[in-house]
């Protein structure tokens, strides 16, 4: 199933990982098209934080804005998997 953003919105593909620091689990969200990352104690918090960070980067960088706009026109989302070595 493919999800779409509202008309006029841009898309940022994000990789989410979990990290344990002491006794707390953190979610780390990293943008693919632009160099942006953030974290949160919940998945939603990490996504909200990386969205805020991405908006700041896009506002201040023409190159980042171009990469996001180009990615938003594509229909194929990145695929990530884990393999055993």
PDB file of N, CA and C in Angstrom:
ATOM      1  N   UNK A   1       0.842  -1.169   0.000  1.00  0.00           N
ATOM      2  CA  UNK A   1       0.000   0.000   0.000  1.00  0.00           C
ATOM      3  C   UNK A   1       0.892   1.238   0.000  1.00  0.00           C
ATOM      4  N   UNK A   2       0.562   2.191  -0.810  1.00  0.00           N
ATOM      5  CA  UNK A   2       1.353   3.403  -0.915  1.00  0.00           C
ATOM      6  C   UNK A   2       0.585   4.556  -0.277  1.00  0.00           C
ATOM      7  N   UNK A   3       1.232   5.282   0.594  1.00  0.00           N
ATOM      8  CA  UNK A   3       0.569   6.433   1.201  1.00  0.00           C
ATOM      9  C   UNK A   3       1.026   7.694   0.485  1.00  0.00           C
ATOM     10  N   UNK A   4       0.144   8.668   0.433  1.00  0.00           N
ATOM     11  CA  UNK A   4       0.465   9.913  -0.256  1.00  0.00           C
ATOM     12  C   UNK A   4       0.329  11.070   0.712  1.00  0.00           C
ATOM     13  N   UNK A   5       1.164  12.071   0.500  1.00  0.00           N
ATOM     14  CA  UNK A   5       1.055  13.303   1.273  1.00  0.00           C
ATOM     15  C   UNK A   5       0.004  14.185   0.633  1.00  0.00           C
ATOM     16  N   UNK A   6      -0.448  15.156   1.396  1.00  0.00           N
ATOM     17  CA  UNK A   6      -1.386  16.136   0.856  1.00  0.00           C
ATOM     18  C   UNK A   6      -0.706  16.897  -0.271  1.00  0.00           C
ATOM     19  N   UNK A   7      -1.502  17.404  -1.188  1.00  0.00           N
ATOM     20  CA  UNK A   7      -0.980  18.174  -2.313  1.00  0.00           C
ATOM     21  C   UNK A   7      -0.159  19.346  -1.773  1.00  0.00           C
ATOM     22  N   UNK A   8       1.010  19.536  -2.358  1.00  0.00           N
ATOM     23  CA  UNK A   8       1.873  20.632  -1.938  1.00  0.00           C
ATOM     24  C   UNK A   8       2.806  20.287  -0.793  1.00  0.00           C
ATOM     25  N   UNK A   9       2.679  19.087  -0.240  1.00  0.00           N
ATOM     26  CA  UNK A   9       3.554  18.669   0.855  1.00  0.00           C
ATOM     27  C   UNK A   9       4.732  17.893   0.291  1.00  0.00           C
ATOM     28  N   UNK A  10       5.834  17.931   0.991  1.00  0.00           N
ATOM     29  CA  UNK A  10       7.018  17.188   0.592  1.00  0.00           C
ATOM     30  C   UNK A  10       7.140  15.923   1.425  1.00  0.00           C
ATOM     31  N   UNK A  11       7.918  14.984   0.922  1.00  0.00           N
ATOM     32  CA  UNK A  11       8.111  13.692   1.572  1.00  0.00           C
ATOM     33  C   UNK A  11       9.564  13.556   1.998  1.00  0.00           C
ATOM     34  N   UNK A  12       9.775  13.102   3.227  1.00  0.00           N
ATOM     35  CA  UNK A  12      11.107  12.744   3.710  1.00  0.00           C
ATOM     36  C   UNK A  12      11.052  11.280   4.111  1.00  0.00           C
ATOM     37  N   UNK A  13      11.851  10.454   3.469  1.00  0.00           N
ATOM     38  CA  UNK A  13      11.958   9.053   3.868  1.00  0.00           C
ATOM     39  C   UNK A  13      12.845   8.993   5.101  1.00  0.00           C
ATOM     40  N   UNK A  14      12.422   8.199   6.091  1.00  0.00           N
ATOM     41  CA  UNK A  14      13.087   8.167   7.385  1.00  0.00           C
ATOM     42  C   UNK A  14      13.370   6.724   7.792  1.00  0.00           C
ATOM     43  N   UNK A  15      14.559   6.493   8.318  1.00  0.00           N
ATOM     44  CA  UNK A  15      14.927   5.199   8.897  1.00  0.00           C
ATOM     45  C   UNK A  15      14.824   5.336  10.414  1.00  0.00           C
ATOM     46  N   UNK A  16      14.149   4.385  11.043  1.00  0.00           N
ATOM     47  CA  UNK A  16      13.971   4.400  12.499  1.00  0.00           C
ATOM     48  C   UNK A  16      14.754   3.238  13.102  1.00  0.00           C
ATOM     49  N   UNK A  17      15.530   3.547  14.117  1.00  0.00           N
ATOM     50  CA  UNK A  17      16.219   2.499  14.871  1.00  0.00           C
ATOM     51  C   UNK A  17      15.953   2.719  16.354  1.00  0.00           C
ATOM     52  N   UNK A  18      16.195   1.686  17.132  1.00  0.00           N
ATOM     53  CA  UNK A  18      16.076   1.793  18.585  1.00  0.00           C
ATOM     54  C   UNK A  18      17.462   1.729  19.190  1.00  0.00           C
ATOM     55  N   UNK A  19      17.665   2.525  20.216  1.00  0.00           N
ATOM     56  CA  UNK A  19      18.926   2.478  20.951  1.00  0.00           C
ATOM     57  C   UNK A  19      18.606   2.448  22.431  1.00  0.00           C
ATOM     58  N   UNK A  20      19.352   1.631  23.152  1.00  0.00           N
ATOM     59  CA  UNK A  20      19.177   1.560  24.596  1.00  0.00           C
ATOM     60  C   UNK A  20      20.345   2.285  25.260  1.00  0.00           C
ATOM     61  N   UNK A  21      20.001   3.279  26.054  1.00  0.00           N
ATOM     62  CA  UNK A  21      21.008   4.028  26.808  1.00  0.00           C
ATOM     63  C   UNK A  21      20.637   3.896  28.271  1.00  0.00           C
ATOM     64  N   UNK A  22      21.515   3.235  29.003  1.00  0.00           N
ATOM     65  CA  UNK A  22      21.242   2.861  30.386  1.00  0.00           C
ATOM     66  C   UNK A  22      19.957   2.032  30.405  1.00  0.00           C
ATOM     67  N   UNK A  23      18.920   2.480  31.047  1.00  0.00           N
ATOM     68  CA  UNK A  23      17.690   1.684  31.106  1.00  0.00           C
ATOM     69  C   UNK A  23      16.585   2.220  30.205  1.00  0.00           C
ATOM     70  N   UNK A  24      16.887   3.209  29.370  1.00  0.00           N
ATOM     71  CA  UNK A  24      15.863   3.818  28.528  1.00  0.00           C
ATOM     72  C   UNK A  24      16.029   3.409  27.074  1.00  0.00           C
ATOM     73  N   UNK A  25      14.893   3.186  26.420  1.00  0.00           N
ATOM     74  CA  UNK A  25      14.877   2.911  24.987  1.00  0.00           C
ATOM     75  C   UNK A  25      14.563   4.211  24.257  1.00  0.00           C
ATOM     76  N   UNK A  26      15.416   4.568  23.308  1.00  0.00           N
ATOM     77  CA  UNK A  26      15.212   5.752  22.484  1.00  0.00           C
ATOM     78  C   UNK A  26      14.957   5.311  21.048  1.00  0.00           C
ATOM     79  N   UNK A  27      14.125   6.052  20.358  1.00  0.00           N
ATOM     80  CA  UNK A  27      13.917   5.853  18.926  1.00  0.00           C
ATOM     81  C   UNK A  27      14.705   6.934  18.211  1.00  0.00           C
ATOM     82  N   UNK A  28      15.485   6.536  17.211  1.00  0.00           N
ATOM     83  CA  UNK A  28      16.305   7.469  16.450  1.00  0.00           C
ATOM     84  C   UNK A  28      15.773   7.489  15.021  1.00  0.00           C
ATOM     85  N   UNK A  29      15.441   8.681  14.544  1.00  0.00           N
ATOM     86  CA  UNK A  29      14.905   8.854  13.195  1.00  0.00           C
ATOM     87  C   UNK A  29      15.945   9.598  12.358  1.00  0.00           C
ATOM     88  N   UNK A  30      16.322   8.999  11.211  1.00  0.00           N
ATOM     89  CA  UNK A  30      17.327   9.598  10.334  1.00  0.00           C
ATOM     90  C   UNK A  30      16.736   9.779   8.944  1.00  0.00           C
ATOM     91  N   UNK A  31      16.847  11.001   8.412  1.00  0.00           N
ATOM     92  CA  UNK A  31      16.363  11.275   7.062  1.00  0.00           C
ATOM     93  C   UNK A  31      17.280  10.661   6.023  1.00  0.00           C
ATOM     94  N   UNK A  32      16.693  10.257   4.909  1.00  0.00           N
ATOM     95  CA  UNK A  32      17.478   9.659   3.832  1.00  0.00           C
ATOM     96  C   UNK A  32      17.908  10.706   2.809  1.00  0.00           C
ATOM     97  N   UNK A  33      16.979  11.549   2.350  1.00  0.00           N
ATOM     98  CA  UNK A  33      17.310  12.506   1.300  1.00  0.00           C
ATOM     99  C   UNK A  33      18.185  13.653   1.803  1.00  0.00           C
ATOM    100  N   UNK A  34      18.028  14.028   3.051  1.00  0.00           N
ATOM    101  CA  UNK A  34      18.840  15.104   3.619  1.00  0.00           C
ATOM    102  C   UNK A  34      19.452  14.623   4.932  1.00  0.00           C
ATOM    103  N   UNK A  35      20.555  15.224   5.284  1.00  0.00           N
ATOM    104  CA  UNK A  35      21.290  14.831   6.485  1.00  0.00           C
ATOM    105  C   UNK A  35      20.627  15.454   7.708  1.00  0.00           C
ATOM    106  N   UNK A  36      19.676  14.722   8.274  1.00  0.00           N
ATOM    107  CA  UNK A  36      18.952  15.200   9.443  1.00  0.00           C
ATOM    108  C   UNK A  36      18.597  13.990  10.309  1.00  0.00           C
ATOM    109  N   UNK A  37      18.672  14.160  11.610  1.00  0.00           N
ATOM    110  CA  UNK A  37      18.328  13.082  12.530  1.00  0.00           C
ATOM    111  C   UNK A  37      17.835  13.677  13.839  1.00  0.00           C
ATOM    112  N   UNK A  38      17.037  12.892  14.554  1.00  0.00           N
ATOM    113  CA  UNK A  38      16.578  13.296  15.866  1.00  0.00           C
ATOM    114  C   UNK A  38      16.160  12.041  16.617  1.00  0.00           C
ATOM    115  N   UNK A  39      15.789  12.214  17.873  1.00  0.00           N
ATOM    116  CA  UNK A  39      15.403  11.055  18.680  1.00  0.00           C
ATOM    117  C   UNK A  39      14.222  11.413  19.562  1.00  0.00           C
ATOM    118  N   UNK A  40      13.661  10.385  20.187  1.00  0.00           N
ATOM    119  CA  UNK A  40      12.573  10.589  21.130  1.00  0.00           C
ATOM    120  C   UNK A  40      12.378   9.341  21.963  1.00  0.00           C
ATOM    121  N   UNK A  41      11.648   9.477  23.043  1.00  0.00           N
ATOM    122  CA  UNK A  41      11.362   8.327  23.907  1.00  0.00           C
ATOM    123  C   UNK A  41      10.253   7.450  23.333  1.00  0.00           C
ATOM    124  N   UNK A  42       9.519   7.977  22.352  1.00  0.00           N
ATOM    125  CA  UNK A  42       8.504   7.176  21.651  1.00  0.00           C
ATOM    126  C   UNK A  42       8.745   7.325  20.151  1.00  0.00           C
ATOM    127  N   UNK A  43       8.169   6.424  19.385  1.00  0.00           N
ATOM    128  CA  UNK A  43       8.298   6.499  17.935  1.00  0.00           C
ATOM    129  C   UNK A  43       7.720   7.816  17.421  1.00  0.00           C
ATOM    130  N   UNK A  44       6.545   8.195  17.917  1.00  0.00           N
ATOM    131  CA  UNK A  44       5.908   9.432  17.458  1.00  0.00           C
ATOM    132  C   UNK A  44       6.748  10.660  17.809  1.00  0.00           C
ATOM    133  N   UNK A  45       7.339  10.665  18.999  1.00  0.00           N
ATOM    134  CA  UNK A  45       8.185  11.791  19.400  1.00  0.00           C
ATOM    135  C   UNK A  45       9.401  11.913  18.475  1.00  0.00           C
ATOM    136  N   UNK A  46      10.011  10.787  18.126  1.00  0.00           N
ATOM    137  CA  UNK A  46      11.163  10.813  17.221  1.00  0.00           C
ATOM    138  C   UNK A  46      10.757  11.331  15.844  1.00  0.00           C
ATOM    139  N   UNK A  47       9.592  10.888  15.347  1.00  0.00           N
ATOM    140  CA  UNK A  47       9.119  11.361  14.043  1.00  0.00           C
ATOM    141  C   UNK A  47       8.795  12.854  14.070  1.00  0.00           C
ATOM    142  N   UNK A  48       8.130  13.302  15.128  1.00  0.00           N
ATOM    143  CA  UNK A  48       7.818  14.730  15.257  1.00  0.00           C
ATOM    144  C   UNK A  48       9.099  15.557  15.311  1.00  0.00           C
ATOM    145  N   UNK A  49      10.087  15.076  16.057  1.00  0.00           N
ATOM    146  CA  UNK A  49      11.350  15.809  16.200  1.00  0.00           C
ATOM    147  C   UNK A  49      12.135  15.864  14.893  1.00  0.00           C
ATOM    148  N   UNK A  50      12.178  14.762  14.153  1.00  0.00           N
ATOM    149  CA  UNK A  50      12.930  14.779  12.892  1.00  0.00           C
ATOM    150  C   UNK A  50      12.195  15.621  11.857  1.00  0.00           C
ATOM    151  N   UNK A  51      10.866  15.656  11.912  1.00  0.00           N
ATOM    152  CA  UNK A  51      10.106  16.517  11.003  1.00  0.00           C
ATOM    153  C   UNK A  51      10.436  17.987  11.277  1.00  0.00           C
ATOM    154  N   UNK A  52      10.457  18.373  12.554  1.00  0.00           N
ATOM    155  CA  UNK A  52      10.809  19.754  12.909  1.00  0.00           C
ATOM    156  C   UNK A  52      12.224  20.093  12.440  1.00  0.00           C
ATOM    157  N   UNK A  53      13.153  19.182  12.655  1.00  0.00           N
ATOM    158  CA  UNK A  53      14.541  19.411  12.254  1.00  0.00           C
ATOM    159  C   UNK A  53      14.650  19.523  10.726  1.00  0.00           C
ATOM    160  N   UNK A  54      13.932  18.658  10.004  1.00  0.00           N
ATOM    161  CA  UNK A  54      13.973  18.690   8.537  1.00  0.00           C
ATOM    162  C   UNK A  54      13.413  19.998   7.995  1.00  0.00           C
ATOM    163  N   UNK A  55      12.345  20.487   8.606  1.00  0.00           N
ATOM    164  CA  UNK A  55      11.767  21.752   8.147  1.00  0.00           C
ATOM    165  C   UNK A  55      12.756  22.907   8.316  1.00  0.00           C
ATOM    166  N   UNK A  56      13.520  22.888   9.390  1.00  0.00           N
ATOM    167  CA  UNK A  56      14.540  23.928   9.604  1.00  0.00           C
ATOM    168  C   UNK A  56      15.633  23.826   8.540  1.00  0.00           C
ATOM    169  N   UNK A  57      16.085  22.596   8.259  1.00  0.00           N
ATOM    170  CA  UNK A  57      17.132  22.393   7.246  1.00  0.00           C
ATOM    171  C   UNK A  57      16.636  22.835   5.874  1.00  0.00           C
ATOM    172  N   UNK A  58      15.406  22.467   5.535  1.00  0.00           N
ATOM    173  CA  UNK A  58      14.852  22.814   4.217  1.00  0.00           C
ATOM    174  C   UNK A  58      14.719  24.326   4.067  1.00  0.00           C
ATOM    175  N   UNK A  59      14.301  25.010   5.130  1.00  0.00           N
ATOM    176  CA  UNK A  59      14.162  26.467   5.080  1.00  0.00           C
ATOM    177  C   UNK A  59      15.497  27.168   4.875  1.00  0.00           C
ATOM    178  N   UNK A  60      16.574  26.572   5.379  1.00  0.00           N
ATOM    179  CA  UNK A  60      17.868  27.245   5.328  1.00  0.00           C
ATOM    180  C   UNK A  60      18.787  26.750   4.213  1.00  0.00           C
ATOM    181  N   UNK A  61      18.371  25.722   3.471  1.00  0.00           N
ATOM    182  CA  UNK A  61      19.261  25.158   2.451  1.00  0.00           C
ATOM    183  C   UNK A  61      18.515  24.909   1.148  1.00  0.00           C
ATOM    184  N   UNK A  62      18.923  25.617   0.106  1.00  0.00           N
ATOM    185  CA  UNK A  62      18.314  25.425  -1.218  1.00  0.00           C
ATOM    186  C   UNK A  62      18.571  24.014  -1.733  1.00  0.00           C
ATOM    187  N   UNK A  63      19.774  23.485  -1.489  1.00  0.00           N
ATOM    188  CA  UNK A  63      20.116  22.134  -1.927  1.00  0.00           C
ATOM    189  C   UNK A  63      19.215  21.096  -1.260  1.00  0.00           C
ATOM    190  N   UNK A  64      18.996  21.227   0.041  1.00  0.00           N
ATOM    191  CA  UNK A  64      18.119  20.297   0.756  1.00  0.00           C
ATOM    192  C   UNK A  64      16.697  20.398   0.230  1.00  0.00           C
ATOM    193  N   UNK A  65      16.236  21.601  -0.018  1.00  0.00           N
ATOM    194  CA  UNK A  65      14.879  21.808  -0.538  1.00  0.00           C
ATOM    195  C   UNK A  65      14.728  21.126  -1.896  1.00  0.00           C
ATOM    196  N   UNK A  66      15.746  21.252  -2.757  1.00  0.00           N
ATOM    197  CA  UNK A  66      15.705  20.622  -4.078  1.00  0.00           C
ATOM    198  C   UNK A  66      15.647  19.106  -3.961  1.00  0.00           C
ATOM    199  N   UNK A  67      16.479  18.520  -3.078  1.00  0.00           N
ATOM    200  CA  UNK A  67      16.481  17.065  -2.912  1.00  0.00           C
ATOM    201  C   UNK A  67      15.138  16.557  -2.399  1.00  0.00           C
ATOM    202  N   UNK A  68      14.519  17.277  -1.480  1.00  0.00           N
ATOM    203  CA  UNK A  68      13.213  16.878  -0.948  1.00  0.00           C
ATOM    204  C   UNK A  68      12.137  16.991  -2.024  1.00  0.00           C
ATOM    205  N   UNK A  69      12.163  18.071  -2.794  1.00  0.00           N
ATOM    206  CA  UNK A  69      11.166  18.249  -3.847  1.00  0.00           C
ATOM    207  C   UNK A  69      11.291  17.163  -4.905  1.00  0.00           C
ATOM    208  N   UNK A  70      12.517  16.801  -5.279  1.00  0.00           N
ATOM    209  CA  UNK A  70      12.721  15.743  -6.269  1.00  0.00           C
ATOM    210  C   UNK A  70      12.248  14.393  -5.732  1.00  0.00           C
ATOM    211  N   UNK A  71      12.539  14.098  -4.485  1.00  0.00           N
ATOM    212  CA  UNK A  71      12.124  12.828  -3.892  1.00  0.00           C
ATOM    213  C   UNK A  71      10.614  12.757  -3.759  1.00  0.00           C
ATOM    214  N   UNK A  72       9.958  13.882  -3.535  1.00  0.00           N
ATOM    215  CA  UNK A  72       8.511  13.915  -3.363  1.00  0.00           C
ATOM    216  C   UNK A  72       7.783  13.596  -4.660  1.00  0.00           C
ATOM    217  N   UNK A  73       8.460  13.770  -5.793  1.00  0.00           N
ATOM    218  CA  UNK A  73       7.852  13.465  -7.087  1.00  0.00           C
ATOM    219  C   UNK A  73       7.939  11.975  -7.421  1.00  0.00           C
ATOM    220  N   UNK A  74       8.827  11.252  -6.764  1.00  0.00           N
ATOM    221  CA  UNK A  74       8.991   9.824  -7.016  1.00  0.00           C
ATOM    222  C   UNK A  74       7.920   9.029  -6.295  1.00  0.00           C
ATOM    223  N   UNK A  75       7.582   7.894  -6.845  1.00  0.00           N
ATOM    224  CA  UNK A  75       6.542   7.050  -6.235  1.00  0.00           C
ATOM    225  C   UNK A  75       7.122   5.873  -5.472  1.00  0.00           C
ATOM    226  N   UNK A  76       8.407   5.658  -5.562  1.00  0.00           N
ATOM    227  CA  UNK A  76       9.015   4.472  -4.961  1.00  0.00           C
ATOM    228  C   UNK A  76       9.670   4.838  -3.638  1.00  0.00           C
ATOM    229  N   UNK A  77       9.228   4.180  -2.585  1.00  0.00           N
ATOM    230  CA  UNK A  77       9.826   4.388  -1.269  1.00  0.00           C
ATOM    231  C   UNK A  77      11.048   3.493  -1.141  1.00  0.00           C
ATOM    232  N   UNK A  78      12.036   3.892  -0.359  1.00  0.00           N
ATOM    233  CA  UNK A  78      13.207   3.039  -0.171  1.00  0.00           C
ATOM    234  C   UNK A  78      12.830   1.781   0.616  1.00  0.00           C
ATOM    235  N   UNK A  79      13.554   0.716   0.354  1.00  0.00           N
ATOM    236  CA  UNK A  79      13.335  -0.518   1.092  1.00  0.00           C
ATOM    237  C   UNK A  79      14.566  -0.798   1.929  1.00  0.00           C
ATOM    238  N   UNK A  80      14.357  -1.167   3.157  1.00  0.00           N
ATOM    239  CA  UNK A  80      15.461  -1.465   4.055  1.00  0.00           C
ATOM    240  C   UNK A  80      15.193  -2.838   4.666  1.00  0.00           C
ATOM    241  N   UNK A  81      16.225  -3.642   4.730  1.00  0.00           N
ATOM    242  CA  UNK A  81      16.082  -4.961   5.336  1.00  0.00           C
ATOM    243  C   UNK A  81      17.345  -5.285   6.103  1.00  0.00           C
ATOM    244  N   UNK A  82      17.309  -6.367   6.831  1.00  0.00           N
ATOM    245  CA  UNK A  82      18.464  -6.816   7.595  1.00  0.00           C
ATOM    246  C   UNK A  82      18.849  -8.190   7.085  1.00  0.00           C
ATOM    247  N   UNK A  83      20.141  -8.399   6.865  1.00  0.00           N
ATOM    248  CA  UNK A  83      20.627  -9.709   6.437  1.00  0.00           C
ATOM    249  C   UNK A  83      21.655 -10.207   7.443  1.00  0.00           C
ATOM    250  N   UNK A  84      21.725 -11.506   7.567  1.00  0.00           N
ATOM    251  CA  UNK A  84      22.723 -12.111   8.456  1.00  0.00           C
ATOM    252  C   UNK A  84      23.998 -12.348   7.664  1.00  0.00           C
ATOM    253  N   UNK A  85      25.126 -12.024   8.266  1.00  0.00           N
ATOM    254  CA  UNK A  85      26.419 -12.210   7.590  1.00  0.00           C
ATOM    255  C   UNK A  85      27.197 -13.323   8.258  1.00  0.00           C
TER     256      UNK A  85
END
